[in-house]
Each structure stands twice: as structure tokens, then as C-alpha cells.
Amino acid sequence: MGDETTLIGTDRRARLVGIGLINGMQFLVLLGLYFGIAQNLLPAAGVRDPVAAHGVALVCVVVLAYPLRRRLGKLVSRLLRRDWQETQDLLRDVGAELGRTIEPVGLQALLVETLPRRLRLQSATLWMLEPPDDRAFIAIGQDAGQPGATLLANGASATQVRYAPFLLHVPERHDLEWAPLLLAQGVRVALPLRVGDRLVGIYGIGEPIGQREYPPHVIDVLLMLAPAIASAVQNARAYTEIAHLNAHLRALDQLKDEFIESVGHELRTPLTSLTLALQLMAQNPEMARDMARVLRGSVDRLQMVVDRVLRLDRYRHEVPSHQRPVMEPIELQPLLDDIVAEYRPSAQAKGLQLRVVASAGLAAWGDSAYLRRALHEVLDNAVRYSEGGAVSLSADLRDGLVVISIADEGPGIPADERTHLFDAFYRGRTARALAERPGVGVGLSLARRDLEALGGQIWLQETGAVGSVMCLSLPGVTLAQKERGLVPASHDGGKPIEQAVFSRSEEWR
């Protein structure tokens, strides 16, 4: 016979167990029958001779041994066939359900609730490699902040499971680096779920109910179901990624509509000014000089809108070599004074005060054109959305980095909008409510890309009802170091820089 799987193992093992059960049961039944006949039944029937009584009892036992063995064999066989059938039913039901389930919620109901109950387990946890970044395994149906609900893909727990051949027994030892997170979920056996050579999930089971050791059939069932569970988890990953992409596409579609509306408004306003100015010039030639200023301002505004949109599109592609930043020391105090001077007329018209605080001799390592553009975008927002008070620009050296802070006293940024602050074409509720403030929602996105091109960072330091503080950072130098030819040596191709190190400019080049 083949080695078909049964609830207690393979058929060969099942036969051995069956033979043992039959022999044991037969011995006990025949022994009880023998003493019952010899000591109770025959004396009650009037047989007083012990030898005769035991002889008659022995004959009865011999006569009944064969039919009794046949009946016991049929009983054990039915029991084994029933257990085997129960296992087949379980495998069929769970396998069919896994083939139909593509949503993580469905997998949770099947593998975390139904299967443990049918296998008489205290608990189960299913981790899925979260798409699209694949940085962590997330327990389906749990808050990611719960203990053990998140396992980093390169962490000790996931690595230990990854290298387990079939399953991993989790000892109750919190001194092991990889065990505590699994134990926090009540997992005593972890099953790696692989598609090819890739670990896409982890299935962990708790202790068996009412037993100290796992029955063999539990491990057999899990090992047989592992490929189907892994395929179901991979399908759930694909479903989740498609759902994320659909949500992203809907957000992009909304951003497109908002972008078209914003750009349409931005273009319509200067075009209206141009039309009116041309009409007035045609009717009143003596107003040509005044109208020329209006025309120039409207053309400049149109040019600014077009340049900003084209600059954002340029960042989506490789920047030509002649447009890449030219790194050199930038003296900050004159640069900040120059930028503030450009915004002073519009600030004074709104009753705003502009302040600059920068240490003498402080310089940043970067491209002045890129930094100027980034500062313009941030300062433009600060002035545009502030109705009064002051806008302050300050620069200081922190841990080898020059940090430029722009603080305003505007309306602040709502908590649910802060994560989208640097997304292209995104305009929050406050910005849309202030409809008279022009904008297409690309300013901070452009500023971030300019700073990242220089190896710097930009972030929202704080915000509230009394205003916001935006910070920009770049590697820093001082004028004294600049004169000695010392420049920062750490520049990581646009990645954030944690600390600036100094070397000679010849080594940098």
C-alpha cells in the first residue's frame, strides 16, 4: 500500500497503531472474560471444581478469540478510516477556501480564527510581507503598534524563520534575540510561507488546548497546507498592492483636477490684466507708460507659473549636466538679506515685519541658485498666508549643518494635511479657502527637490494656531574655513547628511 496521510501519520504507522490497539483490547477483553467465567459464572451454575471451571473458561476464551479479534479489527479500522476522513475533509475545506480568498480579512477569518479552532489550538497569527516596500511583516487584523504585530523583514525574528527548513519551534526564552516578538503573540511554532525562495509570510500557532505536546496530525496538516497558505498570502499581497495603487490613482486624479483648477486661476488673472491693459492703451494712448508696468507684471507672473510647472516636470527626468548644481560655499547673511529685500514691499503692504538673524561668517555648502529658489518658495508661502505679525529668517550651525529656519505667524497647518505638505500639486483646505492667494501647490515640492539635489533636507519643525516654522539644512562651513580652502567632504548624492566633515577643496574635487 502507499503511504497515504492519516490523522495519526501514514498508513504504515496507522497499521502498527491499529495492531497494537487490537491486541491490547483483545487481551483485556479475553482476560476479563476468562476470570468472569471461571470465578463467577461457573460457580454460580454449580461447578465447584476449580480445575474444571478454569478448563471450561479456557475453552470459551479460545473459541471466542477469533471472532472477537475480527470485530475489534473492524472497530479500529472504522475509527482509523473516520480519522483519516476527518483529515481529508479538513484539508479539502481549508484548501478550497484558500483558493477562493484573496483579501487579507478573509485570510484572517480562515487561518487565525477557523483553522486553530478545528486543530484545537489556543491561538494563531498570520504575518504578511507588506507591499509595496516589503520592509516588514505585518500581522493581519492587528494594530501595527501591538507587541509582535510588526516584524522587520531584516530583523532577527523574520531572519530566524526565513532560514528554518520546514518549521521553527519557539522556546520560551526571552533572552534569545529573535524569540520575544513571537512569544508576545503566543506563538510556539512558526511556519515559513515561501513562494519559490522568497519568504512572503509567517504563520504562527499557539499551544494545543489541553495538551503539552502538539499531536502529530497538527504538524502534518500544517506542513501539507503550507504551500497553499503561501500562495494565498501572495494573492493577498497582490490584492493589497492593487488597492493601494487604485487609491493612489484616485488621489492623483483629484490632484490633477485641483492642479487644472489652480493653474487655470493662475493663468486667468494675469491674462485678464493683460486684456484690460491693452484695452486701456488703445483707448488712452497717454497711459502707455503706466500700462506698460501692468503688462510687464502680468507677463512676469505668467512666466513664473510656466517656469514652476516646467521645473517640476524637469525633476521627473534626468537633469542635464549643465543644469546640475555647482557646489561651492554660500555666504548666508548677504543671501538672506537679498531675498528678504525682494519680499519687503509686499510684506509692508500687509503690515508684516521681515527679520533676518544670521551669524557673521556662516556659509553653507551648495549651489546658490538652488538654495535661493528653495528659500523663495518657503518665504513666499510664509508671506502669502500671514495676515500680520512677523516672518523671521534665522540661520545657525548645528552639528556641522547649517539650519535655516523660516518662522511665520500664519494660520498653521492642520494635522491631517502635514503628511502631504511636500506633495506636488497638493493644496490644503486653508490654502484653498484663501482663494485670493494664487498658487498651484508645487512650491514646497520644488523646494524639497532643490534641497535634496544639494544633499540637504527640508521639514516642518512645528505648526499651530500661532504660526509655523519650516527648516532647511545644508552642510555648513564658516568664512574662515572658506578662506583656508576647507569645504565639507560628506555629500551623498542627494541623501540627507547627518554630519559635515571637513577636508581640503582639492580632495573634494
Protein backbone atom coordinates (compact mmCIF):
# COMPACT_ATOMS: atom_id res chain seq x y z
CA MET A 1 0.00 0.00 0.00
CA GLY A 2 1.03 3.59 -0.49
CA ASP A 3 1.84 5.89 2.40
CA GLU A 4 -1.38 7.94 2.37
CA THR A 5 -1.61 10.50 5.14
CA THR A 6 -3.99 9.84 8.01
CA LEU A 7 -4.81 11.75 11.17
CA ILE A 8 -2.12 9.83 13.10
CA GLY A 9 0.53 9.63 10.39
CA THR A 10 0.97 7.42 7.33
CA ASP A 11 -0.80 4.10 6.69
CA ARG A 12 2.22 2.06 7.78
CA ARG A 13 2.20 3.78 11.13
CA ALA A 14 -1.58 3.55 11.24
CA ARG A 15 -1.44 -0.22 10.77
CA LEU A 16 1.11 -0.58 13.57
CA VAL A 17 -1.04 1.52 15.87
CA GLY A 18 -4.11 -0.46 14.83
CA ILE A 19 -2.44 -3.80 15.53
CA GLY A 20 -1.34 -2.60 18.94
CA LEU A 21 -4.86 -1.40 19.74
CA ILE A 22 -6.43 -4.68 18.60
CA ASN A 23 -4.01 -6.86 20.56
CA GLY A 24 -4.32 -4.77 23.70
CA MET A 25 -8.10 -4.64 23.59
CA GLN A 26 -8.35 -8.36 22.80
CA PHE A 27 -6.09 -9.27 25.71
CA LEU A 28 -8.07 -7.18 28.17
CA VAL A 29 -11.44 -8.46 26.95
CA LEU A 30 -10.38 -12.11 26.94
CA LEU A 31 -8.72 -11.79 30.35
CA GLY A 32 -11.85 -10.29 31.82
CA LEU A 33 -13.98 -12.97 30.14
CA TYR A 34 -11.76 -15.79 31.43
CA PHE A 35 -11.90 -14.72 35.07
CA GLY A 36 -15.58 -13.88 34.80
CA ILE A 37 -16.42 -17.41 33.61
CA ALA A 38 -14.02 -19.27 35.92
CA GLN A 39 -14.74 -17.39 39.15
CA ASN A 40 -18.30 -16.15 38.80
CA LEU A 41 -20.38 -17.78 36.08
CA LEU A 42 -19.47 -21.48 36.57
CA PRO A 43 -19.55 -21.45 40.41
CA ALA A 44 -22.97 -19.81 40.18
CA ALA A 45 -24.04 -22.64 37.83
CA GLY A 46 -22.98 -25.28 40.38
CA VAL A 47 -19.50 -26.19 39.14
CA ARG A 48 -17.42 -26.44 42.33
CA ASP A 49 -14.23 -27.99 40.92
CA PRO A 50 -11.69 -25.14 40.23
CA VAL A 51 -9.80 -27.17 37.68
CA ALA A 52 -12.94 -27.91 35.72
CA ALA A 53 -14.05 -24.27 35.96
CA HIS A 54 -10.73 -22.96 34.62
CA GLY A 55 -10.75 -25.59 31.85
CA VAL A 56 -14.22 -24.59 30.70
CA ALA A 57 -13.27 -20.88 30.87
CA LEU A 58 -10.14 -21.52 28.78
CA VAL A 59 -12.15 -23.35 26.12
CA CYS A 60 -14.63 -20.45 25.94
CA VAL A 61 -11.84 -17.90 25.59
CA VAL A 62 -10.19 -19.91 22.78
CA VAL A 63 -13.50 -20.27 20.93
CA LEU A 64 -14.30 -16.54 21.23
CA ALA A 65 -10.77 -15.26 20.46
CA TYR A 66 -11.04 -15.29 16.66
CA PRO A 67 -14.49 -13.70 16.21
CA LEU A 68 -13.63 -11.17 18.90
CA ARG A 69 -10.43 -10.22 17.05
CA ARG A 70 -12.38 -9.74 13.81
CA ARG A 71 -14.90 -7.47 15.49
CA LEU A 72 -12.20 -5.46 17.22
CA GLY A 73 -10.33 -5.16 13.92
CA LYS A 74 -13.42 -3.78 12.18
CA LEU A 75 -13.97 -1.30 15.03
CA VAL A 76 -10.39 0.01 14.95
CA SER A 77 -10.46 0.14 11.16
CA ARG A 78 -13.60 2.25 11.23
CA LEU A 79 -12.01 4.56 13.78
CA LEU A 80 -8.89 4.97 11.65
CA ARG A 81 -10.89 5.50 8.48
CA ARG A 82 -13.01 8.10 10.27
CA ASP A 83 -9.89 9.95 11.47
CA TRP A 84 -8.37 9.75 8.01
CA GLN A 85 -11.60 11.06 6.50
CA GLU A 86 -11.71 13.92 9.01
CA THR A 87 -8.20 14.92 7.97
CA GLN A 88 -9.10 14.75 4.30
CA ASP A 89 -12.22 16.84 4.94
CA LEU A 90 -10.16 19.44 6.80
CA LEU A 91 -7.54 19.65 4.06
CA ARG A 92 -10.22 19.82 1.36
CA ASP A 93 -12.26 22.51 3.11
CA VAL A 94 -9.31 24.75 4.03
CA GLY A 95 -7.59 24.24 0.67
CA ALA A 96 -10.72 25.18 -1.26
CA GLU A 97 -11.29 28.23 0.91
CA LEU A 98 -7.67 29.35 0.46
CA GLY A 99 -8.11 29.14 -3.31
CA ARG A 100 -11.11 31.48 -3.14
CA THR A 101 -9.69 34.01 -0.67
CA ILE A 102 -7.67 36.96 -1.91
CA GLU A 103 -8.42 39.59 0.74
CA PRO A 104 -6.33 39.79 3.93
CA VAL A 105 -9.52 39.95 6.02
CA GLY A 106 -10.66 36.63 4.57
CA LEU A 107 -7.31 35.02 5.35
CA GLN A 108 -7.56 36.27 8.92
CA ALA A 109 -11.01 34.69 9.36
CA LEU A 110 -9.84 31.37 7.92
CA LEU A 111 -6.32 31.00 9.33
CA VAL A 112 -6.47 32.99 12.57
CA GLU A 113 -9.98 32.02 13.68
CA THR A 114 -11.31 28.89 11.92
CA LEU A 115 -8.24 26.67 11.45
CA PRO A 116 -6.92 26.97 15.05
CA ARG A 117 -10.37 26.02 16.34
CA ARG A 118 -10.53 22.91 14.16
CA LEU A 119 -6.99 21.92 15.17
CA ARG A 120 -7.73 22.67 18.84
CA LEU A 121 -5.04 25.35 19.18
CA GLN A 122 -5.15 28.24 21.61
CA SER A 123 -4.29 30.91 19.02
CA ALA A 124 -2.70 31.67 15.66
CA THR A 125 -1.10 34.70 13.98
CA LEU A 126 -0.60 35.33 10.26
CA TRP A 127 2.08 37.83 9.20
CA MET A 128 2.16 39.12 5.62
CA LEU A 129 5.12 40.84 3.94
CA GLU A 130 3.59 44.27 3.46
CA PRO A 131 3.72 45.60 -0.11
CA PRO A 132 4.99 47.58 -1.92
CA ASP A 133 8.16 48.32 0.06
CA ASP A 134 8.45 44.84 1.64
CA ARG A 135 10.16 46.32 4.70
CA ALA A 136 8.17 44.48 7.37
CA PHE A 137 5.86 41.56 8.08
CA ILE A 138 2.55 42.86 9.45
CA ALA A 139 0.14 40.69 11.47
CA ILE A 140 -3.17 40.67 9.59
CA GLY A 141 -6.06 42.07 11.60
CA GLN A 142 -3.90 43.69 14.28
CA ASP A 143 -2.76 47.19 15.08
CA ALA A 144 0.84 47.50 13.89
CA GLY A 145 1.76 49.00 17.28
CA GLN A 146 0.88 45.87 19.27
CA PRO A 147 3.82 43.80 20.60
CA GLY A 148 4.96 41.39 17.92
CA ALA A 149 2.49 42.67 15.30
CA THR A 150 5.33 44.08 13.19
CA LEU A 151 8.41 42.05 12.31
CA LEU A 152 11.04 43.90 10.28
CA ALA A 153 11.95 41.97 7.14
CA ASN A 154 15.63 42.12 8.03
CA GLY A 155 15.04 41.70 11.77
CA ALA A 156 16.16 38.79 13.90
CA SER A 157 12.72 37.13 14.18
CA ALA A 158 11.97 37.12 10.45
CA THR A 159 15.53 36.06 9.64
CA GLN A 160 15.30 33.10 12.02
CA VAL A 161 12.04 31.96 10.40
CA ARG A 162 13.45 32.55 6.91
CA TYR A 163 16.25 30.05 7.45
CA ALA A 164 14.04 27.41 9.11
CA PRO A 165 13.68 24.44 6.70
CA PHE A 166 10.05 23.50 7.47
CA LEU A 167 9.01 24.98 10.80
CA LEU A 168 10.55 26.74 13.76
CA HIS A 169 9.91 25.81 17.39
CA VAL A 170 9.96 28.93 19.57
CA PRO A 171 11.42 28.23 23.02
CA GLU A 172 10.01 30.17 25.94
CA ARG A 173 13.22 32.14 26.39
CA HIS A 174 13.14 35.91 26.30
CA ASP A 175 16.93 36.11 26.36
CA LEU A 176 17.07 34.97 22.71
CA GLU A 177 17.20 37.93 20.36
CA TRP A 178 14.61 36.56 17.94
CA ALA A 179 12.10 34.94 20.33
CA PRO A 180 10.39 37.77 22.32
CA LEU A 181 8.28 39.22 19.47
CA LEU A 182 6.98 35.77 18.51
CA LEU A 183 6.29 34.90 22.14
CA ALA A 184 4.41 38.20 22.55
CA GLN A 185 1.90 36.82 20.03
CA GLY A 186 1.67 33.49 21.88
CA VAL A 187 3.46 31.66 19.06
CA ARG A 188 5.22 28.40 19.90
CA VAL A 189 5.67 27.08 16.34
CA ALA A 190 6.31 29.34 13.33
CA LEU A 191 5.75 28.11 9.79
CA PRO A 192 7.67 29.90 6.98
CA LEU A 193 5.45 30.67 3.98
CA ARG A 194 7.56 30.73 0.84
CA VAL A 195 6.84 31.35 -2.83
CA GLY A 196 9.91 29.98 -4.54
CA ASP A 197 12.84 31.08 -2.43
CA ARG A 198 11.10 34.21 -1.15
CA LEU A 199 9.53 34.44 2.29
CA VAL A 200 6.16 36.16 1.79
CA GLY A 201 4.58 35.40 5.15
CA ILE A 202 4.82 33.69 8.53
CA TYR A 203 2.13 31.54 10.16
CA GLY A 204 2.49 31.11 13.90
CA ILE A 205 0.41 28.82 16.13
CA GLY A 206 -0.10 28.83 19.87
CA GLU A 207 -0.07 25.89 22.27
CA PRO A 208 -2.53 22.98 21.85
CA ILE A 209 -5.64 23.03 24.02
CA GLY A 210 -5.45 20.57 26.91
CA GLN A 211 -2.08 19.07 25.91
CA ARG A 212 1.56 19.78 26.49
CA GLU A 213 2.78 18.48 23.13
CA TYR A 214 1.43 19.02 19.64
CA PRO A 215 -0.39 15.95 18.27
CA PRO A 216 1.40 14.65 15.16
CA HIS A 217 -1.62 15.34 12.96
CA VAL A 218 -1.42 19.11 13.71
CA ILE A 219 2.11 19.37 12.35
CA ASP A 220 1.25 17.13 9.38
CA VAL A 221 -1.77 19.25 8.45
CA LEU A 222 0.22 22.50 8.70
CA LEU A 223 3.06 21.18 6.55
CA MET A 224 0.61 19.99 3.90
CA LEU A 225 -1.25 23.32 3.91
CA ALA A 226 1.91 25.49 3.87
CA PRO A 227 2.20 25.81 0.04
CA ALA A 228 -1.49 26.70 -0.30
CA ILE A 229 -1.27 29.25 2.53
CA ALA A 230 1.83 30.81 0.96
CA SER A 231 0.03 31.15 -2.41
CA ALA A 232 -2.98 32.70 -0.68
CA VAL A 233 -0.74 35.20 1.14
CA GLN A 234 0.95 36.12 -2.15
CA ASN A 235 -2.50 36.71 -3.70
CA ALA A 236 -3.46 38.86 -0.71
CA ARG A 237 -0.26 40.86 -1.19
CA ALA A 238 -1.16 41.45 -4.83
CA TYR A 239 -4.72 42.44 -3.84
CA THR A 240 -3.37 44.88 -1.23
CA GLU A 241 -0.90 46.41 -3.67
CA ILE A 242 -3.61 46.86 -6.31
CA ALA A 243 -5.85 48.51 -3.70
CA HIS A 244 -3.02 50.89 -2.77
CA LEU A 245 -2.39 51.69 -6.44
CA ASN A 246 -6.08 52.37 -7.01
CA ALA A 247 -6.17 54.71 -4.02
CA HIS A 248 -3.03 56.42 -5.32
CA LEU A 249 -4.56 56.79 -8.78
CA ARG A 250 -7.71 58.32 -7.28
CA ALA A 251 -5.56 60.75 -5.31
CA LEU A 252 -3.61 61.62 -8.47
CA ASP A 253 -6.85 62.17 -10.34
CA GLN A 254 -8.02 64.53 -7.62
CA LEU A 255 -4.66 66.32 -7.67
CA LYS A 256 -4.96 66.64 -11.44
CA ASP A 257 -8.35 68.31 -11.10
CA GLU A 258 -7.03 70.64 -8.41
CA PHE A 259 -3.94 71.39 -10.49
CA ILE A 260 -6.02 72.27 -13.56
CA GLU A 261 -8.24 74.49 -11.42
CA SER A 262 -5.28 76.20 -9.74
CA VAL A 263 -3.29 76.71 -12.95
CA GLY A 264 -6.42 77.94 -14.70
CA HIS A 265 -6.89 80.54 -11.97
CA GLU A 266 -3.20 81.47 -12.05
CA LEU A 267 -3.29 81.99 -15.82
CA ARG A 268 -6.67 83.67 -15.96
CA THR A 269 -5.76 86.50 -13.57
CA PRO A 270 -2.73 87.88 -15.47
CA LEU A 271 -4.46 87.31 -18.81
CA THR A 272 -7.37 89.44 -17.59
CA SER A 273 -4.91 92.14 -16.53
CA LEU A 274 -3.23 91.99 -19.94
CA THR A 275 -6.56 92.29 -21.76
CA LEU A 276 -7.69 95.27 -19.69
CA ALA A 277 -4.32 96.99 -20.02
CA LEU A 278 -4.36 96.61 -23.82
CA GLN A 279 -7.92 97.97 -23.99
CA LEU A 280 -6.98 100.99 -21.87
CA MET A 281 -3.87 101.62 -24.01
CA ALA A 282 -6.00 101.52 -27.14
CA GLN A 283 -8.50 103.99 -25.67
CA ASN A 284 -5.98 106.23 -23.85
CA PRO A 285 -2.56 106.27 -25.54
CA GLU A 286 -1.27 108.70 -22.91
CA MET A 287 -1.50 105.86 -20.32
CA ALA A 288 1.02 103.74 -22.21
CA ARG A 289 3.79 104.12 -19.62
CA ASP A 290 1.56 103.10 -16.69
CA MET A 291 0.02 100.26 -18.65
CA ALA A 292 3.48 99.03 -19.65
CA ARG A 293 4.24 98.31 -15.99
CA VAL A 294 0.96 96.39 -15.66
CA LEU A 295 1.77 94.43 -18.81
CA ARG A 296 5.27 93.63 -17.56
CA GLY A 297 3.96 92.45 -14.18
CA SER A 298 1.33 90.23 -15.80
CA VAL A 299 3.85 88.74 -18.24
CA ASP A 300 6.26 88.07 -15.38
CA ARG A 301 3.52 86.32 -13.45
CA LEU A 302 2.64 84.15 -16.44
CA GLN A 303 6.30 83.34 -16.92
CA MET A 304 6.63 82.37 -13.26
CA VAL A 305 3.71 79.91 -13.47
CA VAL A 306 5.07 78.30 -16.63
CA ASP A 307 8.61 78.10 -15.22
CA ARG A 308 7.48 76.44 -11.99
CA VAL A 309 5.45 73.79 -13.78
CA LEU A 310 8.27 73.10 -16.25
CA ARG A 311 10.81 72.95 -13.44
CA LEU A 312 8.73 70.35 -11.61
CA ASP A 313 8.48 68.29 -14.81
CA ARG A 314 12.24 68.57 -15.29
CA TYR A 315 12.83 66.92 -11.93
CA ARG A 316 10.94 63.85 -13.15
CA HIS A 317 13.69 63.22 -15.68
CA GLU A 318 17.45 63.27 -15.50
CA VAL A 319 18.75 66.79 -15.13
CA PRO A 320 21.20 67.76 -17.92
CA SER A 321 24.79 68.12 -16.76
CA HIS A 322 24.86 71.86 -17.45
CA GLN A 323 21.85 72.32 -15.11
CA ARG A 324 23.22 70.26 -12.23
CA PRO A 325 24.21 72.09 -9.07
CA VAL A 326 27.68 73.61 -8.86
CA MET A 327 28.81 73.11 -5.28
CA GLU A 328 30.60 75.98 -3.54
CA PRO A 329 30.47 77.88 -0.22
CA ILE A 330 27.50 80.27 0.02
CA GLU A 331 27.67 83.17 2.46
CA LEU A 332 24.27 83.20 4.11
CA GLN A 333 23.81 86.65 5.62
CA PRO A 334 24.01 88.56 2.29
CA LEU A 335 21.84 85.92 0.59
CA LEU A 336 19.11 86.12 3.21
CA ASP A 337 19.18 89.93 3.22
CA ASP A 338 18.88 89.94 -0.57
CA ILE A 339 15.89 87.56 -0.59
CA VAL A 340 14.11 89.45 2.19
CA ALA A 341 14.59 92.74 0.30
CA GLU A 342 12.62 91.29 -2.63
CA TYR A 343 9.63 90.50 -0.39
CA ARG A 344 9.74 93.63 1.75
CA PRO A 345 7.30 95.73 -0.37
CA SER A 346 4.59 93.04 -0.36
CA ALA A 347 5.20 92.39 3.35
CA GLN A 348 4.89 96.08 4.23
CA ALA A 349 1.65 96.28 2.26
CA LYS A 350 0.23 93.60 4.59
CA GLY A 351 1.74 95.09 7.74
CA LEU A 352 4.26 92.25 8.10
CA GLN A 353 7.72 92.62 9.58
CA LEU A 354 10.59 90.69 7.98
CA ARG A 355 13.59 89.83 10.15
CA VAL A 356 16.94 88.19 9.42
CA VAL A 357 19.18 86.65 12.08
CA ALA A 358 22.39 85.05 10.80
CA SER A 359 25.85 84.78 12.31
CA ALA A 360 28.58 86.67 10.53
CA GLY A 361 30.94 84.36 8.66
CA LEU A 362 28.43 81.50 8.39
CA ALA A 363 28.28 79.79 5.00
CA ALA A 364 26.55 76.73 3.52
CA TRP A 365 27.96 74.26 1.04
CA GLY A 366 25.75 74.11 -2.06
CA ASP A 367 24.58 75.91 -5.19
CA SER A 368 23.36 79.45 -4.56
CA ALA A 369 20.75 79.30 -7.34
CA TYR A 370 19.20 76.12 -5.93
CA LEU A 371 19.22 77.45 -2.38
CA ARG A 372 17.80 80.80 -3.45
CA ARG A 373 14.92 79.08 -5.26
CA ALA A 374 14.13 76.89 -2.25
CA LEU A 375 14.16 79.88 0.12
CA HIS A 376 11.95 81.84 -2.27
CA GLU A 377 9.33 79.06 -2.25
CA VAL A 378 9.23 78.82 1.56
CA LEU A 379 9.33 82.58 2.18
CA ASP A 380 6.67 83.16 -0.48
CA ASN A 381 4.30 80.84 1.43
CA ALA A 382 5.12 82.49 4.75
CA VAL A 383 4.38 85.98 3.43
CA ARG A 384 1.39 84.93 1.36
CA TYR A 385 -0.55 83.24 4.16
CA SER A 386 0.38 85.59 7.02
CA GLU A 387 -2.02 88.43 7.79
CA GLY A 388 0.13 90.18 10.35
CA GLY A 389 2.92 89.84 12.86
CA ALA A 390 6.39 88.94 11.66
CA VAL A 391 8.22 86.50 9.42
CA SER A 392 11.71 85.65 10.68
CA LEU A 393 14.62 84.04 8.86
CA SER A 394 17.41 82.70 11.03
CA ALA A 395 20.49 80.60 10.33
CA ASP A 396 22.84 78.80 12.70
CA LEU A 397 25.28 75.90 12.75
CA ARG A 398 24.08 72.65 14.35
CA ASP A 399 26.23 69.53 14.39
CA GLY A 400 28.08 70.55 11.25
CA LEU A 401 24.90 71.52 9.38
CA VAL A 402 23.62 74.98 8.58
CA VAL A 403 19.93 75.10 9.56
CA ILE A 404 17.85 77.94 8.11
CA SER A 405 14.52 78.47 9.90
CA ILE A 406 11.59 80.44 8.45
CA ALA A 407 9.04 81.24 11.17
CA ASP A 408 5.70 82.92 10.44
CA GLU A 409 2.57 83.83 12.40
CA GLY A 410 0.11 82.43 9.90
CA PRO A 411 -2.90 80.11 10.42
CA GLY A 412 -0.86 76.92 10.82
CA ILE A 413 -1.28 73.58 9.04
CA PRO A 414 -3.96 71.04 10.08
CA ALA A 415 -2.63 67.71 11.38
CA ASP A 416 -4.20 65.63 8.57
CA GLU A 417 -2.50 67.77 5.89
CA ARG A 418 1.07 67.67 7.19
CA THR A 419 1.96 64.37 5.54
CA HIS A 420 1.01 65.85 2.14
CA LEU A 421 2.83 69.11 2.70
CA PHE A 422 5.59 68.37 0.18
CA ASP A 423 3.41 66.53 -2.38
CA ALA A 424 3.28 68.14 -5.81
CA PHE A 425 0.00 69.97 -6.66
CA TYR A 426 -1.40 69.45 -3.17
CA ARG A 427 -3.15 72.44 -1.63
CA GLY A 428 -4.69 72.10 1.79
CA ARG A 429 -8.05 73.36 2.98
CA THR A 430 -6.56 76.56 4.34
CA ALA A 431 -4.84 77.35 1.05
CA ARG A 432 -7.98 76.64 -0.98
CA ALA A 433 -10.10 78.70 1.42
CA LEU A 434 -7.83 81.70 0.82
CA ALA A 435 -8.83 81.74 -2.85
CA GLU A 436 -7.37 85.19 -3.44
CA ARG A 437 -3.92 83.75 -2.71
CA PRO A 438 -2.56 82.43 -6.03
CA GLY A 439 -0.73 79.11 -6.15
CA VAL A 440 -0.60 75.75 -7.90
CA GLY A 441 0.63 73.65 -4.99
CA VAL A 442 4.14 72.96 -6.26
CA GLY A 443 6.22 75.40 -4.21
CA LEU A 444 7.27 73.21 -1.29
CA SER A 445 7.66 70.20 -3.56
CA LEU A 446 10.13 72.20 -5.68
CA ALA A 447 11.93 73.42 -2.57
CA ARG A 448 12.37 69.87 -1.29
CA ARG A 449 13.77 68.67 -4.62
CA ASP A 450 16.16 71.60 -4.81
CA LEU A 451 17.42 70.90 -1.28
CA GLU A 452 17.73 67.15 -1.89
CA ALA A 453 19.73 67.83 -5.05
CA LEU A 454 22.24 69.61 -2.80
CA GLY A 455 22.29 66.80 -0.25
CA GLY A 456 20.14 68.75 2.21
CA GLN A 457 16.76 68.43 3.86
CA ILE A 458 13.59 70.44 4.42
CA TRP A 459 11.00 69.71 7.08
CA LEU A 460 8.17 71.24 9.09
CA GLN A 461 9.62 71.89 12.54
CA GLU A 462 6.40 72.96 14.24
CA THR A 463 2.99 74.39 13.45
CA GLY A 464 -0.06 75.59 15.32
CA ALA A 465 -2.59 78.35 15.67
CA VAL A 466 0.18 80.91 16.26
CA GLY A 467 2.21 80.05 13.18
CA SER A 468 4.65 77.57 11.65
CA VAL A 469 8.40 77.01 11.50
CA MET A 470 9.94 75.48 8.36
CA CYS A 471 13.59 74.36 8.44
CA LEU A 472 16.15 73.81 5.68
CA SER A 473 19.55 72.23 6.25
CA LEU A 474 22.78 72.03 4.26
CA PRO A 475 26.38 71.14 5.11
CA GLY A 476 27.93 74.18 6.75
CA VAL A 477 31.27 76.00 6.57
CA THR A 478 32.49 79.28 8.01
CA LEU A 479 34.17 82.09 6.11
CA ALA A 480 37.43 81.33 7.92
CA GLN A 481 37.31 77.77 6.61
CA LYS A 482 36.37 79.04 3.19
CA GLU A 483 39.47 81.25 3.08
CA ARG A 484 41.70 78.27 4.02
CA GLY A 485 40.19 76.15 1.24
CA LEU A 486 38.28 73.87 3.61
CA VAL A 487 34.92 72.52 2.46
CA PRO A 488 32.59 69.72 3.62
CA ALA A 489 33.61 66.33 2.31
CA SER A 490 30.36 64.49 3.05
CA HIS A 491 27.86 64.72 0.23
CA ASP A 492 25.82 61.64 -0.56
CA GLY A 493 24.16 62.31 -3.89
CA GLY A 494 21.05 63.96 -2.54
CA LYS A 495 20.59 61.85 0.60
CA PRO A 496 20.21 63.57 3.97
CA ILE A 497 23.51 64.46 5.62
CA GLU A 498 23.80 63.87 9.35
CA GLN A 499 27.17 65.48 9.98
CA ALA A 500 29.63 67.51 7.93
CA VAL A 501 33.30 66.52 7.79
CA PHE A 502 35.94 68.92 6.54
CA SER A 503 38.77 68.29 4.07
CA ARG A 504 40.76 70.30 1.54
CA SER A 505 38.91 71.51 -1.55
CA GLU A 506 41.38 69.70 -3.82
CA GLU A 507 40.34 66.40 -2.21
CA TRP A 508 36.67 67.21 -2.69
CA ARG A 509 37.19 67.79 -6.39
